[in-house]
Protein backbone atom coordinates (compact mmCIF):
# COMPACT_ATOMS: atom_id res chain seq x y z
CA UNK A 1 0.00 0.00 0.00
CA UNK A 2 2.79 2.45 0.84
CA UNK A 3 4.89 1.63 -2.23
CA UNK A 4 2.55 3.40 -4.76
CA UNK A 5 2.33 6.35 -2.36
CA UNK A 6 6.12 6.56 -2.14
CA UNK A 7 6.51 6.38 -5.92
CA UNK A 8 3.98 9.22 -6.30
CA UNK A 9 5.67 11.23 -3.56
CA UNK A 10 9.09 10.89 -5.18
CA UNK A 11 7.67 11.93 -8.58
CA UNK A 12 6.13 15.06 -7.07
CA UNK A 13 9.36 15.90 -5.26
CA UNK A 14 11.44 15.48 -8.41
CA UNK A 15 9.09 17.52 -10.60
CA UNK A 16 8.76 20.35 -8.10
CA UNK A 17 12.53 20.73 -8.08
CA UNK A 18 12.69 21.68 -11.76
CA UNK A 19 10.82 24.99 -11.81
CA UNK A 20 13.32 27.48 -10.28
CA UNK A 21 16.42 25.30 -10.42
CA UNK A 22 17.75 26.66 -13.70
CA UNK A 23 17.55 30.31 -12.65
CA UNK A 24 18.23 30.50 -8.94
CA UNK A 25 20.91 28.51 -7.10
CA UNK A 26 19.61 26.36 -4.25
CA UNK A 27 22.16 24.92 -1.85
CA UNK A 28 22.16 22.77 1.27
CA UNK A 29 24.57 21.63 3.95
CA UNK A 30 24.18 18.82 6.48
CA UNK A 31 25.79 17.50 9.63
CA UNK A 32 27.49 14.20 8.99
CA UNK A 33 27.18 13.49 12.74
CA UNK A 34 23.39 13.73 12.69
CA UNK A 35 21.37 10.56 13.15
CA UNK A 36 18.69 11.34 10.59
CA UNK A 37 17.06 7.94 11.07
CA UNK A 38 16.02 8.71 14.66
CA UNK A 39 13.79 11.74 14.09
CA UNK A 40 9.99 11.39 14.11
CA UNK A 41 8.55 14.76 15.08
CA UNK A 42 9.07 18.44 14.34
CA UNK A 43 7.91 21.86 15.38
CA UNK A 44 8.30 25.24 13.74
CA UNK A 45 10.71 27.61 15.42
CA UNK A 46 9.59 31.15 14.76
CA UNK A 47 11.77 34.13 15.60
CA UNK A 48 9.18 36.54 16.97
CA UNK A 49 11.66 39.42 16.87
CA UNK A 50 12.28 39.06 13.11
CA UNK A 51 11.02 41.92 10.98
CA UNK A 52 10.09 40.89 7.45
CA UNK A 53 8.73 43.11 4.68
CA UNK A 54 4.94 43.09 4.58
CA UNK A 55 5.10 41.59 1.07
CA UNK A 56 6.40 38.29 2.49
CA UNK A 57 3.65 35.83 3.38
CA UNK A 58 4.95 34.14 6.55
CA UNK A 59 1.83 31.98 6.94
CA UNK A 60 2.40 30.57 3.47
CA UNK A 61 6.03 29.69 4.29
CA UNK A 62 4.94 27.92 7.48
CA UNK A 63 2.14 26.05 5.68
CA UNK A 64 4.56 24.76 3.02
CA UNK A 65 7.05 23.64 5.68
CA UNK A 66 4.28 21.81 7.58
CA UNK A 67 3.03 20.06 4.43
CA UNK A 68 6.53 18.97 3.40
CA UNK A 69 7.33 17.59 6.85
CA UNK A 70 4.01 15.72 6.83
CA UNK A 71 4.82 14.25 3.39
CA UNK A 72 8.09 12.94 4.82
CA UNK A 73 6.21 11.32 7.70
CA UNK A 74 7.05 13.75 10.50
CA UNK A 75 4.40 14.46 13.09
CA UNK A 76 3.87 17.89 14.60
CA UNK A 77 4.83 18.03 18.29
CA UNK A 78 4.97 21.52 19.76
CA UNK A 79 5.93 20.34 23.27
CA UNK A 80 8.85 17.99 22.66
CA UNK A 81 9.80 17.75 18.98
CA UNK A 82 12.83 15.87 17.67
CA UNK A 83 13.55 18.61 15.12
CA UNK A 84 12.97 22.33 15.20
CA UNK A 85 12.44 23.78 11.72
CA UNK A 86 13.55 27.39 11.58
CA UNK A 87 13.34 29.77 8.67
CA UNK A 88 14.73 33.24 8.18
CA UNK A 89 15.00 35.82 5.46
CA UNK A 90 18.18 37.86 5.46
CA UNK A 91 18.07 41.29 3.84
CA UNK A 92 21.82 41.73 4.39
CA UNK A 93 24.81 39.55 3.55
CA UNK A 94 25.44 36.73 6.04
CA UNK A 95 28.14 34.20 6.81
CA UNK A 96 26.99 30.66 7.46
CA UNK A 97 29.33 28.04 8.98
CA UNK A 98 29.29 24.71 7.19
CA UNK A 99 31.45 22.05 5.61
CA UNK A 100 33.03 21.30 2.30
CA UNK A 101 31.56 17.83 1.97
CA UNK A 102 30.19 15.27 -0.46
CA UNK A 103 26.84 15.79 -2.11
CA UNK A 104 24.06 14.68 0.25
CA UNK A 105 22.97 11.92 -2.19
CA UNK A 106 26.49 10.46 -2.21
CA UNK A 107 26.64 10.56 1.58
CA UNK A 108 23.17 8.95 1.89
CA UNK A 109 24.27 5.98 -0.23
CA UNK A 110 27.44 5.35 1.77
CA UNK A 111 27.34 6.96 5.22
CA UNK A 112 30.09 4.68 6.44
CA UNK A 113 32.43 5.74 3.64
CA UNK A 114 35.60 7.72 4.18
CA UNK A 115 34.71 11.29 3.30
CA UNK A 116 36.57 14.52 3.92
CA UNK A 117 34.73 17.17 5.87
CA UNK A 118 36.52 20.49 5.97
CA UNK A 119 35.02 23.44 7.80
CA UNK A 120 33.96 26.23 5.52
CA UNK A 121 32.20 29.57 5.80
CA UNK A 122 29.55 30.25 3.19
CA UNK A 123 29.30 33.95 2.32
CA UNK A 124 25.70 34.45 1.27
CA UNK A 125 24.46 37.48 -0.59
CA UNK A 126 21.70 39.74 0.62
CA UNK A 127 18.25 38.40 0.02
CA UNK A 128 18.82 34.85 1.36
CA UNK A 129 15.99 32.57 2.46
CA UNK A 130 17.41 30.06 4.94
CA UNK A 131 15.65 26.98 6.33
CA UNK A 132 17.37 25.05 9.12
CA UNK A 133 16.66 21.74 10.84
CA UNK A 134 17.88 21.76 14.43
CA UNK A 135 18.15 18.71 16.68
CA UNK A 136 15.99 19.78 19.63
CA UNK A 137 17.91 17.63 22.12
CA UNK A 138 21.42 18.81 21.20
CA UNK A 139 20.45 22.28 19.87
CA UNK A 140 22.76 21.66 16.88
CA UNK A 141 21.89 22.37 13.28
CA UNK A 142 21.69 19.08 11.39
CA UNK A 143 20.70 20.47 7.98
CA UNK A 144 20.19 23.78 6.28
CA UNK A 145 19.04 24.77 2.86
CA UNK A 146 19.05 28.18 1.32
CA UNK A 147 18.40 30.18 -1.77
CA UNK A 148 19.91 33.56 -2.48
CA UNK A 149 17.78 35.86 -4.55
CA UNK A 150 20.43 37.02 -6.97
CA UNK A 151 17.78 38.67 -9.11
CA UNK A 152 17.03 41.62 -6.82
CA UNK A 153 14.05 40.44 -4.78
CA UNK A 154 12.40 38.57 -7.64
CA UNK A 155 11.42 35.77 -5.27
CA UNK A 156 10.47 37.89 -2.29
CA UNK A 157 8.10 40.10 -4.26
CA UNK A 158 6.12 37.26 -5.84
CA UNK A 159 4.20 34.96 -3.48
CA UNK A 160 4.15 32.12 -6.02
CA UNK A 161 7.91 32.26 -6.53
CA UNK A 162 8.53 32.46 -2.79
CA UNK A 163 6.38 29.37 -2.28
CA UNK A 164 8.33 27.55 -5.01
CA UNK A 165 11.62 28.60 -3.42
CA UNK A 166 10.55 27.20 -0.02
CA UNK A 167 9.42 23.96 -1.68
CA UNK A 168 12.65 23.60 -3.63
CA UNK A 169 14.80 24.22 -0.58
CA UNK A 170 12.89 21.52 1.28
CA UNK A 171 13.27 19.18 -1.72
CA UNK A 172 16.93 18.99 -0.71
CA UNK A 173 16.02 17.51 2.71
CA UNK A 174 15.76 13.83 1.81
CA UNK A 175 15.16 12.04 5.08
CA UNK A 176 11.91 10.29 5.96
CA UNK A 177 10.77 10.21 9.57
CA UNK A 178 11.69 7.13 11.60
CA UNK A 179 9.02 4.48 11.25
CA UNK A 180 7.34 6.13 8.25
CA UNK A 181 8.60 3.47 5.86
CA UNK A 182 10.18 0.13 6.59
CA UNK A 183 13.96 -0.21 6.64
CA UNK A 184 14.26 -1.89 3.22
CA UNK A 185 12.40 0.96 1.50
CA UNK A 186 14.47 3.51 3.43
CA UNK A 187 17.67 1.93 2.15
CA UNK A 188 16.36 1.96 -1.43
CA UNK A 189 15.87 5.71 -1.06
CA UNK A 190 19.58 6.08 -0.33
CA UNK A 191 20.27 5.80 3.40
CA UNK A 192 21.12 2.99 5.73
CA UNK A 193 20.18 4.50 9.11
C-alpha atoms as a PDB file:
ATOM      1  CA  UNK A   1       0.000   0.000   0.000  1.00  0.00           C
ATOM      2  CA  UNK A   2       2.789   2.448   0.845  1.00  0.00           C
ATOM      3  CA  UNK A   3       4.890   1.633  -2.232  1.00  0.00           C
ATOM      4  CA  UNK A   4       2.549   3.397  -4.760  1.00  0.00           C
ATOM      5  CA  UNK A   5       2.330   6.353  -2.364  1.00  0.00           C
ATOM      6  CA  UNK A   6       6.119   6.555  -2.139  1.00  0.00           C
ATOM      7  CA  UNK A   7       6.509   6.385  -5.924  1.00  0.00           C
ATOM      8  CA  UNK A   8       3.977   9.216  -6.300  1.00  0.00           C
ATOM      9  CA  UNK A   9       5.672  11.227  -3.565  1.00  0.00           C
ATOM     10  CA  UNK A  10       9.091  10.886  -5.179  1.00  0.00           C
ATOM     11  CA  UNK A  11       7.674  11.928  -8.582  1.00  0.00           C
ATOM     12  CA  UNK A  12       6.129  15.059  -7.070  1.00  0.00           C
ATOM     13  CA  UNK A  13       9.363  15.896  -5.256  1.00  0.00           C
ATOM     14  CA  UNK A  14      11.442  15.480  -8.415  1.00  0.00           C
ATOM     15  CA  UNK A  15       9.094  17.517 -10.604  1.00  0.00           C
ATOM     16  CA  UNK A  16       8.764  20.354  -8.099  1.00  0.00           C
ATOM     17  CA  UNK A  17      12.530  20.730  -8.083  1.00  0.00           C
ATOM     18  CA  UNK A  18      12.687  21.683 -11.759  1.00  0.00           C
ATOM     19  CA  UNK A  19      10.823  24.990 -11.808  1.00  0.00           C
ATOM     20  CA  UNK A  20      13.320  27.482 -10.285  1.00  0.00           C
ATOM     21  CA  UNK A  21      16.418  25.301 -10.418  1.00  0.00           C
ATOM     22  CA  UNK A  22      17.745  26.657 -13.697  1.00  0.00           C
ATOM     23  CA  UNK A  23      17.550  30.310 -12.652  1.00  0.00           C
ATOM     24  CA  UNK A  24      18.230  30.500  -8.936  1.00  0.00           C
ATOM     25  CA  UNK A  25      20.906  28.508  -7.097  1.00  0.00           C
ATOM     26  CA  UNK A  26      19.605  26.355  -4.248  1.00  0.00           C
ATOM     27  CA  UNK A  27      22.161  24.915  -1.849  1.00  0.00           C
ATOM     28  CA  UNK A  28      22.163  22.771   1.271  1.00  0.00           C
ATOM     29  CA  UNK A  29      24.568  21.634   3.948  1.00  0.00           C
ATOM     30  CA  UNK A  30      24.178  18.818   6.481  1.00  0.00           C
ATOM     31  CA  UNK A  31      25.786  17.503   9.629  1.00  0.00           C
ATOM     32  CA  UNK A  32      27.486  14.196   8.993  1.00  0.00           C
ATOM     33  CA  UNK A  33      27.184  13.494  12.739  1.00  0.00           C
ATOM     34  CA  UNK A  34      23.389  13.735  12.694  1.00  0.00           C
ATOM     35  CA  UNK A  35      21.374  10.558  13.150  1.00  0.00           C
ATOM     36  CA  UNK A  36      18.690  11.341  10.591  1.00  0.00           C
ATOM     37  CA  UNK A  37      17.063   7.943  11.073  1.00  0.00           C
ATOM     38  CA  UNK A  38      16.023   8.714  14.664  1.00  0.00           C
ATOM     39  CA  UNK A  39      13.786  11.737  14.086  1.00  0.00           C
ATOM     40  CA  UNK A  40       9.990  11.394  14.115  1.00  0.00           C
ATOM     41  CA  UNK A  41       8.548  14.762  15.078  1.00  0.00           C
ATOM     42  CA  UNK A  42       9.067  18.436  14.336  1.00  0.00           C
ATOM     43  CA  UNK A  43       7.913  21.859  15.377  1.00  0.00           C
ATOM     44  CA  UNK A  44       8.301  25.241  13.741  1.00  0.00           C
ATOM     45  CA  UNK A  45      10.713  27.605  15.418  1.00  0.00           C
ATOM     46  CA  UNK A  46       9.587  31.152  14.764  1.00  0.00           C
ATOM     47  CA  UNK A  47      11.771  34.130  15.601  1.00  0.00           C
ATOM     48  CA  UNK A  48       9.179  36.537  16.965  1.00  0.00           C
ATOM     49  CA  UNK A  49      11.659  39.418  16.867  1.00  0.00           C
ATOM     50  CA  UNK A  50      12.280  39.064  13.113  1.00  0.00           C
ATOM     51  CA  UNK A  51      11.016  41.923  10.984  1.00  0.00           C
ATOM     52  CA  UNK A  52      10.087  40.890   7.446  1.00  0.00           C
ATOM     53  CA  UNK A  53       8.733  43.108   4.684  1.00  0.00           C
ATOM     54  CA  UNK A  54       4.939  43.089   4.581  1.00  0.00           C
ATOM     55  CA  UNK A  55       5.098  41.586   1.074  1.00  0.00           C
ATOM     56  CA  UNK A  56       6.399  38.289   2.493  1.00  0.00           C
ATOM     57  CA  UNK A  57       3.648  35.827   3.376  1.00  0.00           C
ATOM     58  CA  UNK A  58       4.955  34.144   6.548  1.00  0.00           C
ATOM     59  CA  UNK A  59       1.834  31.984   6.941  1.00  0.00           C
ATOM     60  CA  UNK A  60       2.399  30.565   3.469  1.00  0.00           C
ATOM     61  CA  UNK A  61       6.030  29.686   4.288  1.00  0.00           C
ATOM     62  CA  UNK A  62       4.938  27.919   7.478  1.00  0.00           C
ATOM     63  CA  UNK A  63       2.139  26.050   5.676  1.00  0.00           C
ATOM     64  CA  UNK A  64       4.556  24.765   3.021  1.00  0.00           C
ATOM     65  CA  UNK A  65       7.053  23.635   5.677  1.00  0.00           C
ATOM     66  CA  UNK A  66       4.284  21.810   7.575  1.00  0.00           C
ATOM     67  CA  UNK A  67       3.028  20.059   4.426  1.00  0.00           C
ATOM     68  CA  UNK A  68       6.526  18.967   3.403  1.00  0.00           C
ATOM     69  CA  UNK A  69       7.327  17.585   6.847  1.00  0.00           C
ATOM     70  CA  UNK A  70       4.010  15.722   6.830  1.00  0.00           C
ATOM     71  CA  UNK A  71       4.817  14.253   3.390  1.00  0.00           C
ATOM     72  CA  UNK A  72       8.085  12.942   4.822  1.00  0.00           C
ATOM     73  CA  UNK A  73       6.209  11.319   7.700  1.00  0.00           C
ATOM     74  CA  UNK A  74       7.053  13.750  10.502  1.00  0.00           C
ATOM     75  CA  UNK A  75       4.403  14.461  13.093  1.00  0.00           C
ATOM     76  CA  UNK A  76       3.874  17.894  14.598  1.00  0.00           C
ATOM     77  CA  UNK A  77       4.825  18.028  18.287  1.00  0.00           C
ATOM     78  CA  UNK A  78       4.967  21.516  19.757  1.00  0.00           C
ATOM     79  CA  UNK A  79       5.933  20.341  23.270  1.00  0.00           C
ATOM     80  CA  UNK A  80       8.852  17.990  22.659  1.00  0.00           C
ATOM     81  CA  UNK A  81       9.803  17.751  18.976  1.00  0.00           C
ATOM     82  CA  UNK A  82      12.831  15.870  17.674  1.00  0.00           C
ATOM     83  CA  UNK A  83      13.553  18.606  15.122  1.00  0.00           C
ATOM     84  CA  UNK A  84      12.971  22.331  15.198  1.00  0.00           C
ATOM     85  CA  UNK A  85      12.438  23.777  11.725  1.00  0.00           C
ATOM     86  CA  UNK A  86      13.547  27.394  11.583  1.00  0.00           C
ATOM     87  CA  UNK A  87      13.345  29.766   8.672  1.00  0.00           C
ATOM     88  CA  UNK A  88      14.732  33.236   8.180  1.00  0.00           C
ATOM     89  CA  UNK A  89      15.003  35.818   5.456  1.00  0.00           C
ATOM     90  CA  UNK A  90      18.184  37.861   5.457  1.00  0.00           C
ATOM     91  CA  UNK A  91      18.067  41.286   3.845  1.00  0.00           C
ATOM     92  CA  UNK A  92      21.815  41.730   4.388  1.00  0.00           C
ATOM     93  CA  UNK A  93      24.808  39.550   3.548  1.00  0.00           C
ATOM     94  CA  UNK A  94      25.437  36.727   6.039  1.00  0.00           C
ATOM     95  CA  UNK A  95      28.136  34.203   6.811  1.00  0.00           C
ATOM     96  CA  UNK A  96      26.993  30.656   7.463  1.00  0.00           C
ATOM     97  CA  UNK A  97      29.332  28.045   8.979  1.00  0.00           C
ATOM     98  CA  UNK A  98      29.290  24.711   7.188  1.00  0.00           C
ATOM     99  CA  UNK A  99      31.452  22.052   5.611  1.00  0.00           C
ATOM    100  CA  UNK A 100      33.035  21.298   2.304  1.00  0.00           C
ATOM    101  CA  UNK A 101      31.562  17.835   1.967  1.00  0.00           C
ATOM    102  CA  UNK A 102      30.192  15.270  -0.461  1.00  0.00           C
ATOM    103  CA  UNK A 103      26.838  15.790  -2.110  1.00  0.00           C
ATOM    104  CA  UNK A 104      24.057  14.683   0.247  1.00  0.00           C
ATOM    105  CA  UNK A 105      22.967  11.924  -2.187  1.00  0.00           C
ATOM    106  CA  UNK A 106      26.491  10.459  -2.206  1.00  0.00           C
ATOM    107  CA  UNK A 107      26.635  10.556   1.581  1.00  0.00           C
ATOM    108  CA  UNK A 108      23.171   8.955   1.892  1.00  0.00           C
ATOM    109  CA  UNK A 109      24.271   5.980  -0.229  1.00  0.00           C
ATOM    110  CA  UNK A 110      27.439   5.346   1.774  1.00  0.00           C
ATOM    111  CA  UNK A 111      27.339   6.964   5.219  1.00  0.00           C
ATOM    112  CA  UNK A 112      30.091   4.677   6.439  1.00  0.00           C
ATOM    113  CA  UNK A 113      32.428   5.743   3.640  1.00  0.00           C
ATOM    114  CA  UNK A 114      35.598   7.721   4.175  1.00  0.00           C
ATOM    115  CA  UNK A 115      34.709  11.288   3.299  1.00  0.00           C
ATOM    116  CA  UNK A 116      36.568  14.518   3.915  1.00  0.00           C
ATOM    117  CA  UNK A 117      34.730  17.174   5.872  1.00  0.00           C
ATOM    118  CA  UNK A 118      36.520  20.493   5.972  1.00  0.00           C
ATOM    119  CA  UNK A 119      35.024  23.443   7.801  1.00  0.00           C
ATOM    120  CA  UNK A 120      33.958  26.229   5.522  1.00  0.00           C
ATOM    121  CA  UNK A 121      32.202  29.572   5.803  1.00  0.00           C
ATOM    122  CA  UNK A 122      29.554  30.254   3.187  1.00  0.00           C
ATOM    123  CA  UNK A 123      29.297  33.946   2.324  1.00  0.00           C
ATOM    124  CA  UNK A 124      25.705  34.446   1.271  1.00  0.00           C
ATOM    125  CA  UNK A 125      24.460  37.480  -0.593  1.00  0.00           C
ATOM    126  CA  UNK A 126      21.703  39.739   0.616  1.00  0.00           C
ATOM    127  CA  UNK A 127      18.254  38.396   0.022  1.00  0.00           C
ATOM    128  CA  UNK A 128      18.820  34.854   1.364  1.00  0.00           C
ATOM    129  CA  UNK A 129      15.995  32.569   2.457  1.00  0.00           C
ATOM    130  CA  UNK A 130      17.410  30.057   4.940  1.00  0.00           C
ATOM    131  CA  UNK A 131      15.649  26.979   6.335  1.00  0.00           C
ATOM    132  CA  UNK A 132      17.367  25.053   9.124  1.00  0.00           C
ATOM    133  CA  UNK A 133      16.659  21.739  10.841  1.00  0.00           C
ATOM    134  CA  UNK A 134      17.876  21.761  14.434  1.00  0.00           C
ATOM    135  CA  UNK A 135      18.153  18.712  16.681  1.00  0.00           C
ATOM    136  CA  UNK A 136      15.993  19.785  19.629  1.00  0.00           C
ATOM    137  CA  UNK A 137      17.906  17.629  22.117  1.00  0.00           C
ATOM    138  CA  UNK A 138      21.416  18.811  21.199  1.00  0.00           C
ATOM    139  CA  UNK A 139      20.449  22.275  19.870  1.00  0.00           C
ATOM    140  CA  UNK A 140      22.758  21.656  16.884  1.00  0.00           C
ATOM    141  CA  UNK A 141      21.894  22.370  13.283  1.00  0.00           C
ATOM    142  CA  UNK A 142      21.686  19.083  11.391  1.00  0.00           C
ATOM    143  CA  UNK A 143      20.702  20.470   7.982  1.00  0.00           C
ATOM    144  CA  UNK A 144      20.194  23.779   6.281  1.00  0.00           C
ATOM    145  CA  UNK A 145      19.043  24.770   2.859  1.00  0.00           C
ATOM    146  CA  UNK A 146      19.054  28.184   1.317  1.00  0.00           C
ATOM    147  CA  UNK A 147      18.402  30.180  -1.773  1.00  0.00           C
ATOM    148  CA  UNK A 148      19.914  33.558  -2.476  1.00  0.00           C
ATOM    149  CA  UNK A 149      17.784  35.857  -4.548  1.00  0.00           C
ATOM    150  CA  UNK A 150      20.427  37.019  -6.974  1.00  0.00           C
ATOM    151  CA  UNK A 151      17.784  38.674  -9.109  1.00  0.00           C
ATOM    152  CA  UNK A 152      17.029  41.623  -6.821  1.00  0.00           C
ATOM    153  CA  UNK A 153      14.052  40.444  -4.782  1.00  0.00           C
ATOM    154  CA  UNK A 154      12.401  38.570  -7.645  1.00  0.00           C
ATOM    155  CA  UNK A 155      11.417  35.773  -5.267  1.00  0.00           C
ATOM    156  CA  UNK A 156      10.473  37.893  -2.288  1.00  0.00           C
ATOM    157  CA  UNK A 157       8.096  40.104  -4.261  1.00  0.00           C
ATOM    158  CA  UNK A 158       6.122  37.263  -5.841  1.00  0.00           C
ATOM    159  CA  UNK A 159       4.198  34.965  -3.481  1.00  0.00           C
ATOM    160  CA  UNK A 160       4.146  32.119  -6.015  1.00  0.00           C
ATOM    161  CA  UNK A 161       7.910  32.262  -6.531  1.00  0.00           C
ATOM    162  CA  UNK A 162       8.529  32.464  -2.786  1.00  0.00           C
ATOM    163  CA  UNK A 163       6.378  29.366  -2.277  1.00  0.00           C
ATOM    164  CA  UNK A 164       8.327  27.550  -5.012  1.00  0.00           C
ATOM    165  CA  UNK A 165      11.617  28.601  -3.423  1.00  0.00           C
ATOM    166  CA  UNK A 166      10.548  27.203  -0.024  1.00  0.00           C
ATOM    167  CA  UNK A 167       9.416  23.962  -1.676  1.00  0.00           C
ATOM    168  CA  UNK A 168      12.648  23.600  -3.628  1.00  0.00           C
ATOM    169  CA  UNK A 169      14.801  24.222  -0.584  1.00  0.00           C
ATOM    170  CA  UNK A 170      12.892  21.522   1.281  1.00  0.00           C
ATOM    171  CA  UNK A 171      13.266  19.177  -1.723  1.00  0.00           C
ATOM    172  CA  UNK A 172      16.928  18.987  -0.710  1.00  0.00           C
ATOM    173  CA  UNK A 173      16.025  17.511   2.709  1.00  0.00           C
ATOM    174  CA  UNK A 174      15.762  13.831   1.812  1.00  0.00           C
ATOM    175  CA  UNK A 175      15.160  12.041   5.085  1.00  0.00           C
ATOM    176  CA  UNK A 176      11.911  10.291   5.956  1.00  0.00           C
ATOM    177  CA  UNK A 177      10.768  10.205   9.569  1.00  0.00           C
ATOM    178  CA  UNK A 178      11.685   7.132  11.602  1.00  0.00           C
ATOM    179  CA  UNK A 179       9.017   4.478  11.247  1.00  0.00           C
ATOM    180  CA  UNK A 180       7.343   6.132   8.252  1.00  0.00           C
ATOM    181  CA  UNK A 181       8.598   3.471   5.857  1.00  0.00           C
ATOM    182  CA  UNK A 182      10.176   0.135   6.587  1.00  0.00           C
ATOM    183  CA  UNK A 183      13.957  -0.215   6.635  1.00  0.00           C
ATOM    184  CA  UNK A 184      14.257  -1.893   3.217  1.00  0.00           C
ATOM    185  CA  UNK A 185      12.401   0.960   1.499  1.00  0.00           C
ATOM    186  CA  UNK A 186      14.466   3.506   3.431  1.00  0.00           C
ATOM    187  CA  UNK A 187      17.674   1.926   2.149  1.00  0.00           C
ATOM    188  CA  UNK A 188      16.363   1.958  -1.430  1.00  0.00           C
ATOM    189  CA  UNK A 189      15.870   5.712  -1.057  1.00  0.00           C
ATOM    190  CA  UNK A 190      19.576   6.084  -0.328  1.00  0.00           C
ATOM    191  CA  UNK A 191      20.267   5.795   3.396  1.00  0.00           C
ATOM    192  CA  UNK A 192      21.122   2.990   5.731  1.00  0.00           C
ATOM    193  CA  UNK A 193      20.183   4.498   9.109  1.00  0.00           C
END
